[in-house]
Amino acid sequence: MARLGTCGAVILAAFGLAACQSSGGVSGPMTESEQCWWVHTCFDVAKTADQRAATIVLDYKGSYEPFAVQVRTSVSGMDGTWLENETFFLQEPRQIPILNVKAGTTGSWDWRWSFSHHPGVEPAVHDDSVLYRLPYRDGETYEVIQGYGGNTSHAGDNFYSIDWDMPVGTAVLAARDGIVVSARGESNRKGRGWDNHVIIRHGDGTYAWYLHLQQDGVTVQPGQSVTAGSLIGYSGDTGFSSRAHLHFQVSALSADPDKFYASFPTRFWTADGEVAQLRKGGSYKGVSLPGG
């Protein structure tokens, strides 16, 4: 029996999006759309309403820090060209054809694609001796609503992530010294890829992600050096978020060939001293790092 349908999956960094469609129609005019994640990693997608023909082009807009962009496709029962499993290290603007396929008039067919991106060009090892400060002002207390391995979204590459329940407009501070490598603050939209964010590279080559920031709530720019406790923005509810909160993780490209990148556990300094792992449901008061 002919299969007149397809399931397309798009996975960005740590966040997954899947959509399945089916149709018994025939190919018609191509409709075009641009799908962007964090301004620089964009895909120009054109497809017919019945999904029997499609083209995808990676349209990299350029970035301060090189980003690794991994693209995977799976195609069967279709004619054309596609890249099955490729990783590109991109910094300057560049367009790369990813997929251009068309189904025949008979027989089963299927096409799928996914991608992930992460700053950097090589793996890094986290310095476990580093003590992080809580990313908010001294004396303020916020509850952790999702911790390591949280079943809402903290799995796989993002296992070691933390979400704080934080009202929109709360000052967000750098948890560790570093250099800002990516920042976005103009978005007022919900949904994957629309997060306002700040990403900071640390001295050991790892990167801290601060996500879901407020529109016009980013106070730093790429290339800027920051120290632990520096104001970098204000919390919000943009992007892939079900409520106002701050998402934080530290990660780097992985040396494991079966993984694209990996997150790392982080030790925090709180008003009650050092905490090896912040727990869901726990509330923690901010305080400056010892000697800071």
C-alpha atoms as a PDB file:
ATOM      1  CA  MET A   1       0.000   0.000   0.000  1.00  0.00           C
ATOM      2  CA  ALA A   2       1.368   3.402  -0.901  1.00  0.00           C
ATOM      3  CA  ARG A   3       2.182   5.595   2.073  1.00  0.00           C
ATOM      4  CA  LEU A   4       1.204   9.169   1.305  1.00  0.00           C
ATOM      5  CA  GLY A   5       2.673  10.874   4.322  1.00  0.00           C
ATOM      6  CA  THR A   6       5.765  11.946   6.198  1.00  0.00           C
ATOM      7  CA  CYS A   7       6.891  12.815   9.696  1.00  0.00           C
ATOM      8  CA  GLY A   8       9.374  15.660  10.065  1.00  0.00           C
ATOM      9  CA  ALA A   9      11.366  16.077  13.273  1.00  0.00           C
ATOM     10  CA  VAL A  10      13.335  19.181  14.163  1.00  0.00           C
ATOM     11  CA  ILE A  11      15.623  19.032  17.196  1.00  0.00           C
ATOM     12  CA  LEU A  12      17.422  22.200  18.235  1.00  0.00           C
ATOM     13  CA  ALA A  13      20.246  22.079  20.699  1.00  0.00           C
ATOM     14  CA  ALA A  14      18.447  20.505  23.616  1.00  0.00           C
ATOM     15  CA  PHE A  15      14.880  21.034  22.615  1.00  0.00           C
ATOM     16  CA  GLY A  16      12.834  18.760  20.333  1.00  0.00           C
ATOM     17  CA  LEU A  17       9.905  19.471  18.066  1.00  0.00           C
ATOM     18  CA  ALA A  18       8.070  16.798  16.101  1.00  0.00           C
ATOM     19  CA  ALA A  19       5.157  17.077  13.706  1.00  0.00           C
ATOM     20  CA  CYS A  20       3.568  14.372  11.599  1.00  0.00           C
ATOM     21  CA  GLN A  21       1.322  14.967   8.619  1.00  0.00           C
ATOM     22  CA  SER A  22      -0.299  12.790   6.002  1.00  0.00           C
ATOM     23  CA  SER A  23      -2.218  13.439   2.841  1.00  0.00           C
ATOM     24  CA  GLY A  24      -3.647  11.536  -0.049  1.00  0.00           C
ATOM     25  CA  GLY A  25      -3.358  14.429  -2.436  1.00  0.00           C
ATOM     26  CA  VAL A  26      -0.861  15.098  -5.173  1.00  0.00           C
ATOM     27  CA  SER A  27       2.056  17.463  -5.358  1.00  0.00           C
ATOM     28  CA  GLY A  28       1.227  21.097  -5.959  1.00  0.00           C
ATOM     29  CA  PRO A  29       2.881  24.496  -5.592  1.00  0.00           C
ATOM     30  CA  MET A  30       5.720  24.781  -3.088  1.00  0.00           C
ATOM     31  CA  THR A  31       5.149  26.939  -0.026  1.00  0.00           C
ATOM     32  CA  GLU A  32       8.216  28.521   1.557  1.00  0.00           C
ATOM     33  CA  SER A  33       9.082  29.391   5.125  1.00  0.00           C
ATOM     34  CA  GLU A  34      12.145  30.406   7.111  1.00  0.00           C
ATOM     35  CA  GLN A  35      12.734  28.724  10.464  1.00  0.00           C
ATOM     36  CA  CYS A  36      15.360  30.409  12.653  1.00  0.00           C
ATOM     37  CA  TRP A  37      16.838  29.507  16.009  1.00  0.00           C
ATOM     38  CA  TRP A  38      18.651  32.219  17.928  1.00  0.00           C
ATOM     39  CA  VAL A  39      18.953  34.521  14.904  1.00  0.00           C
ATOM     40  CA  HIS A  40      21.932  32.871  13.221  1.00  0.00           C
ATOM     41  CA  THR A  41      20.887  29.247  12.553  1.00  0.00           C
ATOM     42  CA  CYS A  42      18.108  29.383   9.976  1.00  0.00           C
ATOM     43  CA  PHE A  43      16.587  26.889   7.559  1.00  0.00           C
ATOM     44  CA  ASP A  44      14.742  27.829   4.386  1.00  0.00           C
ATOM     45  CA  VAL A  45      12.099  25.134   3.947  1.00  0.00           C
ATOM     46  CA  ALA A  46       9.908  24.700   0.858  1.00  0.00           C
ATOM     47  CA  LYS A  47       7.400  21.870   0.492  1.00  0.00           C
ATOM     48  CA  THR A  48       4.163  20.965  -1.193  1.00  0.00           C
ATOM     49  CA  ALA A  49       0.985  20.683   0.827  1.00  0.00           C
ATOM     50  CA  ASP A  50       1.015  16.901   0.529  1.00  0.00           C
ATOM     51  CA  GLN A  51       4.715  16.739   1.530  1.00  0.00           C
ATOM     52  CA  ARG A  52       5.613  14.766  -1.625  1.00  0.00           C
ATOM     53  CA  ALA A  53       8.285  17.299  -2.588  1.00  0.00           C
ATOM     54  CA  ALA A  54      10.558  19.324  -0.330  1.00  0.00           C
ATOM     55  CA  THR A  55      13.767  21.346  -0.251  1.00  0.00           C
ATOM     56  CA  ILE A  56      15.715  22.481   2.806  1.00  0.00           C
ATOM     57  CA  VAL A  57      18.648  24.898   2.796  1.00  0.00           C
ATOM     58  CA  LEU A  58      20.706  25.800   5.877  1.00  0.00           C
ATOM     59  CA  ASP A  59      20.999  29.596   5.772  1.00  0.00           C
ATOM     60  CA  TYR A  60      23.570  30.505   8.409  1.00  0.00           C
ATOM     61  CA  LYS A  61      23.415  34.220   9.162  1.00  0.00           C
ATOM     62  CA  GLY A  62      26.798  34.554  10.876  1.00  0.00           C
ATOM     63  CA  SER A  63      27.809  34.696  14.547  1.00  0.00           C
ATOM     64  CA  TYR A  64      30.474  36.045  16.892  1.00  0.00           C
ATOM     65  CA  GLU A  65      31.505  32.561  17.998  1.00  0.00           C
ATOM     66  CA  PRO A  66      31.726  29.585  15.637  1.00  0.00           C
ATOM     67  CA  PHE A  67      28.780  27.221  16.053  1.00  0.00           C
ATOM     68  CA  ALA A  68      28.692  23.517  15.303  1.00  0.00           C
ATOM     69  CA  VAL A  69      25.511  22.679  13.405  1.00  0.00           C
ATOM     70  CA  GLN A  70      24.679  18.979  13.054  1.00  0.00           C
ATOM     71  CA  VAL A  71      22.085  18.040  10.436  1.00  0.00           C
ATOM     72  CA  ARG A  72      20.577  14.586   9.906  1.00  0.00           C
ATOM     73  CA  THR A  73      18.112  13.398   7.292  1.00  0.00           C
ATOM     74  CA  SER A  74      16.433  10.110   6.454  1.00  0.00           C
ATOM     75  CA  VAL A  75      14.832   9.608   3.033  1.00  0.00           C
ATOM     76  CA  SER A  76      13.219   6.567   1.420  1.00  0.00           C
ATOM     77  CA  GLY A  77      11.221   6.036  -1.731  1.00  0.00           C
ATOM     78  CA  MET A  78      12.084   9.470  -3.126  1.00  0.00           C
ATOM     79  CA  ASP A  79      14.358  10.873  -5.810  1.00  0.00           C
ATOM     80  CA  GLY A  80      16.784  13.714  -5.229  1.00  0.00           C
ATOM     81  CA  THR A  81      19.757  14.631  -3.058  1.00  0.00           C
ATOM     82  CA  TRP A  82      20.231  14.948   0.691  1.00  0.00           C
ATOM     83  CA  LEU A  83      22.897  15.011   3.382  1.00  0.00           C
ATOM     84  CA  GLU A  84      22.399  12.075   5.744  1.00  0.00           C
ATOM     85  CA  ASN A  85      24.600  13.060   8.697  1.00  0.00           C
ATOM     86  CA  GLU A  86      26.817  16.124   8.547  1.00  0.00           C
ATOM     87  CA  THR A  87      28.318  18.537  11.070  1.00  0.00           C
ATOM     88  CA  PHE A  88      29.355  22.009   9.962  1.00  0.00           C
ATOM     89  CA  PHE A  89      31.443  24.498  11.930  1.00  0.00           C
ATOM     90  CA  LEU A  90      30.095  27.883  10.902  1.00  0.00           C
ATOM     91  CA  GLN A  91      30.813  31.491  11.725  1.00  0.00           C
ATOM     92  CA  GLU A  92      30.578  33.524   8.524  1.00  0.00           C
ATOM     93  CA  PRO A  93      27.280  33.652   6.597  1.00  0.00           C
ATOM     94  CA  ARG A  94      26.828  30.580   4.417  1.00  0.00           C
ATOM     95  CA  GLN A  95      24.078  28.687   2.602  1.00  0.00           C
ATOM     96  CA  ILE A  96      24.220  24.877   2.468  1.00  0.00           C
ATOM     97  CA  PRO A  97      21.699  22.670   0.595  1.00  0.00           C
ATOM     98  CA  ILE A  98      20.448  19.966   2.962  1.00  0.00           C
ATOM     99  CA  LEU A  99      17.653  18.179   1.104  1.00  0.00           C
ATOM    100  CA  ASN A 100      15.906  18.329  -2.276  1.00  0.00           C
ATOM    101  CA  VAL A 101      13.544  15.389  -2.830  1.00  0.00           C
ATOM    102  CA  LYS A 102      10.426  14.370  -4.706  1.00  0.00           C
ATOM    103  CA  ALA A 103       8.254  11.278  -4.359  1.00  0.00           C
ATOM    104  CA  GLY A 104       7.244   9.138  -7.304  1.00  0.00           C
ATOM    105  CA  THR A 105       3.645   8.498  -8.276  1.00  0.00           C
ATOM    106  CA  THR A 106       3.551   5.013  -6.747  1.00  0.00           C
ATOM    107  CA  GLY A 107       5.099   3.200  -3.810  1.00  0.00           C
ATOM    108  CA  SER A 108       5.797   4.189  -0.219  1.00  0.00           C
ATOM    109  CA  TRP A 109       7.895   7.254   0.610  1.00  0.00           C
ATOM    110  CA  ASP A 110       9.186   9.113   3.628  1.00  0.00           C
ATOM    111  CA  TRP A 111      11.468  12.032   4.539  1.00  0.00           C
ATOM    112  CA  ARG A 112      12.620  13.249   7.933  1.00  0.00           C
ATOM    113  CA  TRP A 113      15.153  15.761   9.210  1.00  0.00           C
ATOM    114  CA  SER A 114      16.615  16.975  12.469  1.00  0.00           C
ATOM    115  CA  PHE A 115      19.309  19.341  13.610  1.00  0.00           C
ATOM    116  CA  SER A 116      21.163  20.478  16.683  1.00  0.00           C
ATOM    117  CA  HIS A 117      23.541  23.363  17.249  1.00  0.00           C
ATOM    118  CA  HIS A 118      26.016  24.393  19.929  1.00  0.00           C
ATOM    119  CA  PRO A 119      28.763  27.018  20.149  1.00  0.00           C
ATOM    120  CA  GLY A 120      32.383  25.925  19.795  1.00  0.00           C
ATOM    121  CA  VAL A 121      34.525  23.819  17.495  1.00  0.00           C
ATOM    122  CA  GLU A 122      35.963  21.191  19.842  1.00  0.00           C
ATOM    123  CA  PRO A 123      35.058  19.257  22.997  1.00  0.00           C
ATOM    124  CA  ALA A 124      35.879  20.677  26.411  1.00  0.00           C
ATOM    125  CA  VAL A 125      36.258  19.255  29.903  1.00  0.00           C
ATOM    126  CA  HIS A 126      34.465  21.053  32.720  1.00  0.00           C
ATOM    127  CA  ASP A 127      36.595  22.298  35.609  1.00  0.00           C
ATOM    128  CA  ASP A 128      34.771  20.655  38.500  1.00  0.00           C
ATOM    129  CA  SER A 129      36.643  22.762  41.047  1.00  0.00           C
ATOM    130  CA  VAL A 130      34.725  25.863  39.954  1.00  0.00           C
ATOM    131  CA  LEU A 131      32.093  27.178  42.339  1.00  0.00           C
ATOM    132  CA  TYR A 132      29.179  29.020  40.691  1.00  0.00           C
ATOM    133  CA  ARG A 133      27.128  31.801  42.240  1.00  0.00           C
ATOM    134  CA  LEU A 134      23.348  31.764  41.940  1.00  0.00           C
ATOM    135  CA  PRO A 135      22.368  33.833  38.869  1.00  0.00           C
ATOM    136  CA  TYR A 136      20.360  36.430  40.776  1.00  0.00           C
ATOM    137  CA  ARG A 137      20.925  39.211  43.284  1.00  0.00           C
ATOM    138  CA  ASP A 138      22.191  38.715  46.811  1.00  0.00           C
ATOM    139  CA  GLY A 139      19.369  38.257  49.288  1.00  0.00           C
ATOM    140  CA  GLU A 140      16.825  37.117  46.684  1.00  0.00           C
ATOM    141  CA  THR A 141      15.395  33.595  46.918  1.00  0.00           C
ATOM    142  CA  TYR A 142      13.889  31.510  44.093  1.00  0.00           C
ATOM    143  CA  GLU A 143      12.567  27.986  43.887  1.00  0.00           C
ATOM    144  CA  VAL A 144      13.950  25.337  41.553  1.00  0.00           C
ATOM    145  CA  ILE A 145      11.000  24.042  39.506  1.00  0.00           C
ATOM    146  CA  GLN A 146      13.004  21.581  37.388  1.00  0.00           C
ATOM    147  CA  GLY A 147      16.391  20.120  38.184  1.00  0.00           C
ATOM    148  CA  TYR A 148      18.758  17.522  36.800  1.00  0.00           C
ATOM    149  CA  GLY A 149      16.920  14.937  34.719  1.00  0.00           C
ATOM    150  CA  GLY A 150      13.579  16.762  34.983  1.00  0.00           C
ATOM    151  CA  ASN A 151      10.992  14.928  32.929  1.00  0.00           C
ATOM    152  CA  THR A 152       9.600  18.094  31.327  1.00  0.00           C
ATOM    153  CA  SER A 153      12.657  18.950  29.231  1.00  0.00           C
ATOM    154  CA  HIS A 154      15.881  18.107  31.095  1.00  0.00           C
ATOM    155  CA  ALA A 155      16.996  14.893  29.436  1.00  0.00           C
ATOM    156  CA  GLY A 156      19.715  13.706  27.109  1.00  0.00           C
ATOM    157  CA  ASP A 157      22.209  16.437  26.275  1.00  0.00           C
ATOM    158  CA  ASN A 158      20.464  18.830  28.692  1.00  0.00           C
ATOM    159  CA  PHE A 159      20.323  16.471  31.658  1.00  0.00           C
ATOM    160  CA  TYR A 160      22.304  18.798  33.952  1.00  0.00           C
ATOM    161  CA  SER A 161      20.022  21.819  33.656  1.00  0.00           C
ATOM    162  CA  ILE A 162      18.216  23.952  36.212  1.00  0.00           C
ATOM    163  CA  ASP A 163      14.998  26.002  35.981  1.00  0.00           C
ATOM    164  CA  TRP A 164      14.194  28.647  38.577  1.00  0.00           C
ATOM    165  CA  ASP A 165      10.655  29.953  39.088  1.00  0.00           C
ATOM    166  CA  MET A 166      11.399  33.620  38.428  1.00  0.00           C
ATOM    167  CA  PRO A 167       9.011  36.525  37.707  1.00  0.00           C
ATOM    168  CA  VAL A 168       9.403  38.411  34.454  1.00  0.00           C
ATOM    169  CA  GLY A 169      11.819  41.299  34.892  1.00  0.00           C
ATOM    170  CA  THR A 170      14.023  39.729  37.577  1.00  0.00           C
ATOM    171  CA  ALA A 171      17.690  40.717  37.246  1.00  0.00           C
ATOM    172  CA  VAL A 172      19.798  37.819  35.915  1.00  0.00           C
ATOM    173  CA  LEU A 173      23.475  37.765  36.882  1.00  0.00           C
ATOM    174  CA  ALA A 174      26.409  35.833  35.430  1.00  0.00           C
ATOM    175  CA  ALA A 175      27.086  32.727  37.514  1.00  0.00           C
ATOM    176  CA  ARG A 176      30.745  32.573  36.448  1.00  0.00           C
ATOM    177  CA  ASP A 177      33.351  34.722  34.705  1.00  0.00           C
ATOM    178  CA  GLY A 178      33.515  34.501  30.928  1.00  0.00           C
ATOM    179  CA  ILE A 179      32.977  36.085  27.525  1.00  0.00           C
ATOM    180  CA  VAL A 180      29.542  36.589  25.954  1.00  0.00           C
ATOM    181  CA  VAL A 181      29.420  34.683  22.648  1.00  0.00           C
ATOM    182  CA  SER A 182      25.725  34.906  21.749  1.00  0.00           C
ATOM    183  CA  ALA A 183      22.950  37.245  22.869  1.00  0.00           C
ATOM    184  CA  ARG A 184      19.435  37.959  21.692  1.00  0.00           C
ATOM    185  CA  GLY A 185      16.825  40.246  23.227  1.00  0.00           C
ATOM    186  CA  GLU A 186      14.324  41.366  20.582  1.00  0.00           C
ATOM    187  CA  SER A 187      11.946  38.396  20.637  1.00  0.00           C
ATOM    188  CA  ASN A 188       8.447  38.716  22.088  1.00  0.00           C
ATOM    189  CA  ARG A 189       7.324  35.276  20.928  1.00  0.00           C
ATOM    190  CA  LYS A 190       6.767  31.874  22.441  1.00  0.00           C
ATOM    191  CA  GLY A 191       7.825  28.635  20.796  1.00  0.00           C
ATOM    192  CA  ARG A 192      11.014  26.819  19.927  1.00  0.00           C
ATOM    193  CA  GLY A 193      13.796  28.961  18.606  1.00  0.00           C
ATOM    194  CA  TRP A 194      12.320  32.210  19.912  1.00  0.00           C
ATOM    195  CA  ASP A 195      14.172  32.332  23.233  1.00  0.00           C
ATOM    196  CA  ASN A 196      15.893  35.537  24.225  1.00  0.00           C
ATOM    197  CA  HIS A 197      19.177  34.343  25.639  1.00  0.00           C
ATOM    198  CA  VAL A 198      22.767  34.943  26.692  1.00  0.00           C
ATOM    199  CA  ILE A 199      25.515  32.353  26.182  1.00  0.00           C
ATOM    200  CA  ILE A 200      28.853  32.813  27.979  1.00  0.00           C
ATOM    201  CA  ARG A 201      32.101  30.945  27.263  1.00  0.00           C
ATOM    202  CA  HIS A 202      34.151  30.050  30.332  1.00  0.00           C
ATOM    203  CA  GLY A 203      37.903  29.685  30.706  1.00  0.00           C
ATOM    204  CA  ASP A 204      37.708  25.895  30.471  1.00  0.00           C
ATOM    205  CA  GLY A 205      35.927  26.059  27.103  1.00  0.00           C
ATOM    206  CA  THR A 206      32.451  25.244  28.433  1.00  0.00           C
ATOM    207  CA  TYR A 207      29.413  27.434  27.814  1.00  0.00           C
ATOM    208  CA  ALA A 208      26.665  28.653  30.157  1.00  0.00           C
ATOM    209  CA  TRP A 209      23.193  29.143  28.660  1.00  0.00           C
ATOM    210  CA  TYR A 210      20.706  31.609  30.188  1.00  0.00           C
ATOM    211  CA  LEU A 211      17.373  31.184  28.381  1.00  0.00           C
ATOM    212  CA  HIS A 212      13.821  32.668  28.150  1.00  0.00           C
ATOM    213  CA  LEU A 213      14.901  36.239  28.913  1.00  0.00           C
ATOM    214  CA  GLN A 214      12.539  39.205  28.680  1.00  0.00           C
ATOM    215  CA  GLN A 215      12.048  41.132  25.442  1.00  0.00           C
ATOM    216  CA  ASP A 216      14.566  43.995  25.396  1.00  0.00           C
ATOM    217  CA  GLY A 217      15.922  42.424  28.556  1.00  0.00           C
ATOM    218  CA  VAL A 218      19.480  41.558  27.465  1.00  0.00           C
ATOM    219  CA  THR A 219      22.132  43.973  28.750  1.00  0.00           C
ATOM    220  CA  VAL A 220      25.304  42.470  27.243  1.00  0.00           C
ATOM    221  CA  GLN A 221      26.583  41.843  23.726  1.00  0.00           C
ATOM    222  CA  PRO A 222      28.858  39.273  22.050  1.00  0.00           C
ATOM    223  CA  GLY A 223      32.530  39.831  22.803  1.00  0.00           C
ATOM    224  CA  GLN A 224      31.867  41.440  26.175  1.00  0.00           C
ATOM    225  CA  SER A 225      33.740  40.103  29.205  1.00  0.00           C
ATOM    226  CA  VAL A 226      31.700  39.530  32.355  1.00  0.00           C
ATOM    227  CA  THR A 227      32.495  38.469  35.883  1.00  0.00           C
ATOM    228  CA  ALA A 228      30.408  36.402  38.271  1.00  0.00           C
ATOM    229  CA  GLY A 229      27.680  38.698  39.577  1.00  0.00           C
ATOM    230  CA  SER A 230      27.576  40.972  36.501  1.00  0.00           C
ATOM    231  CA  LEU A 231      24.108  41.916  35.265  1.00  0.00           C
ATOM    232  CA  ILE A 232      23.484  40.194  31.920  1.00  0.00           C
ATOM    233  CA  GLY A 233      19.729  40.616  31.494  1.00  0.00           C
ATOM    234  CA  TYR A 234      16.248  40.175  32.918  1.00  0.00           C
ATOM    235  CA  SER A 235      14.195  37.004  33.183  1.00  0.00           C
ATOM    236  CA  GLY A 236      11.189  36.431  30.969  1.00  0.00           C
ATOM    237  CA  ASP A 237       8.901  33.907  29.349  1.00  0.00           C
ATOM    238  CA  THR A 238      10.059  33.777  25.714  1.00  0.00           C
ATOM    239  CA  GLY A 239      10.732  30.751  23.544  1.00  0.00           C
ATOM    240  CA  PHE A 240       9.927  27.176  24.578  1.00  0.00           C
ATOM    241  CA  SER A 241       8.498  28.028  27.977  1.00  0.00           C
ATOM    242  CA  SER A 242       5.250  27.177  29.752  1.00  0.00           C
ATOM    243  CA  ARG A 243       5.724  29.816  32.465  1.00  0.00           C
ATOM    244  CA  ALA A 244       8.090  32.608  33.431  1.00  0.00           C
ATOM    245  CA  HIS A 245      11.396  31.082  34.539  1.00  0.00           C
ATOM    246  CA  LEU A 246      15.152  31.077  33.997  1.00  0.00           C
ATOM    247  CA  HIS A 247      16.806  28.066  32.375  1.00  0.00           C
ATOM    248  CA  PHE A 248      20.516  27.542  33.112  1.00  0.00           C
ATOM    249  CA  GLN A 249      22.963  24.917  31.954  1.00  0.00           C
ATOM    250  CA  VAL A 250      26.668  24.480  31.311  1.00  0.00           C
ATOM    251  CA  SER A 251      27.657  22.359  28.320  1.00  0.00           C
ATOM    252  CA  ALA A 252      30.222  21.751  25.575  1.00  0.00           C
ATOM    253  CA  LEU A 253      30.626  19.683  22.440  1.00  0.00           C
ATOM    254  CA  SER A 254      31.163  16.035  23.344  1.00  0.00           C
ATOM    255  CA  ALA A 255      34.208  13.885  22.680  1.00  0.00           C
ATOM    256  CA  ASP A 256      31.853  10.887  22.558  1.00  0.00           C
ATOM    257  CA  PRO A 257      31.133  10.192  18.859  1.00  0.00           C
ATOM    258  CA  ASP A 258      27.623   9.054  19.802  1.00  0.00           C
ATOM    259  CA  LYS A 259      26.771  12.408  21.407  1.00  0.00           C
ATOM    260  CA  PHE A 260      26.729  15.886  19.902  1.00  0.00           C
ATOM    261  CA  TYR A 261      27.229  17.811  23.131  1.00  0.00           C
ATOM    262  CA  ALA A 262      27.072  17.161  26.871  1.00  0.00           C
ATOM    263  CA  SER A 263      25.958  19.164  29.897  1.00  0.00           C
ATOM    264  CA  PHE A 264      27.805  19.181  33.219  1.00  0.00           C
ATOM    265  CA  PRO A 265      26.778  19.264  36.889  1.00  0.00           C
ATOM    266  CA  THR A 266      27.593  22.556  38.636  1.00  0.00           C
ATOM    267  CA  ARG A 267      28.249  23.354  42.293  1.00  0.00           C
ATOM    268  CA  PHE A 268      26.626  26.539  43.630  1.00  0.00           C
ATOM    269  CA  TRP A 269      27.422  28.857  46.514  1.00  0.00           C
ATOM    270  CA  THR A 270      24.311  29.879  48.472  1.00  0.00           C
ATOM    271  CA  ALA A 271      23.493  31.692  51.683  1.00  0.00           C
ATOM    272  CA  ASP A 272      23.641  28.270  53.357  1.00  0.00           C
ATOM    273  CA  GLY A 273      27.055  27.459  51.871  1.00  0.00           C
ATOM    274  CA  GLU A 274      28.062  25.170  49.032  1.00  0.00           C
ATOM    275  CA  VAL A 275      25.374  22.989  47.428  1.00  0.00           C
ATOM    276  CA  ALA A 276      26.540  20.158  45.194  1.00  0.00           C
ATOM    277  CA  GLN A 277      23.149  19.756  43.491  1.00  0.00           C
ATOM    278  CA  LEU A 278      20.175  22.096  43.537  1.00  0.00           C
ATOM    279  CA  ARG A 279      16.988  20.075  44.014  1.00  0.00           C
ATOM    280  CA  LYS A 280      13.522  20.500  42.554  1.00  0.00           C
ATOM    281  CA  GLY A 281      11.324  22.178  45.150  1.00  0.00           C
ATOM    282  CA  GLY A 282      14.288  23.699  46.953  1.00  0.00           C
ATOM    283  CA  SER A 283      14.547  27.459  47.467  1.00  0.00           C
ATOM    284  CA  TYR A 284      17.992  29.053  47.521  1.00  0.00           C
ATOM    285  CA  LYS A 285      19.065  32.521  48.639  1.00  0.00           C
ATOM    286  CA  GLY A 286      21.617  34.365  46.503  1.00  0.00           C
ATOM    287  CA  VAL A 287      24.921  35.523  47.966  1.00  0.00           C
ATOM    288  CA  SER A 288      28.245  36.654  46.566  1.00  0.00           C
ATOM    289  CA  LEU A 289      30.985  34.071  46.074  1.00  0.00           C
ATOM    290  CA  PRO A 290      33.515  33.748  48.880  1.00  0.00           C
ATOM    291  CA  GLY A 291      36.091  36.507  48.469  1.00  0.00           C
ATOM    292  CA  GLY A 292      33.945  38.137  45.773  1.00  0.00           C
END
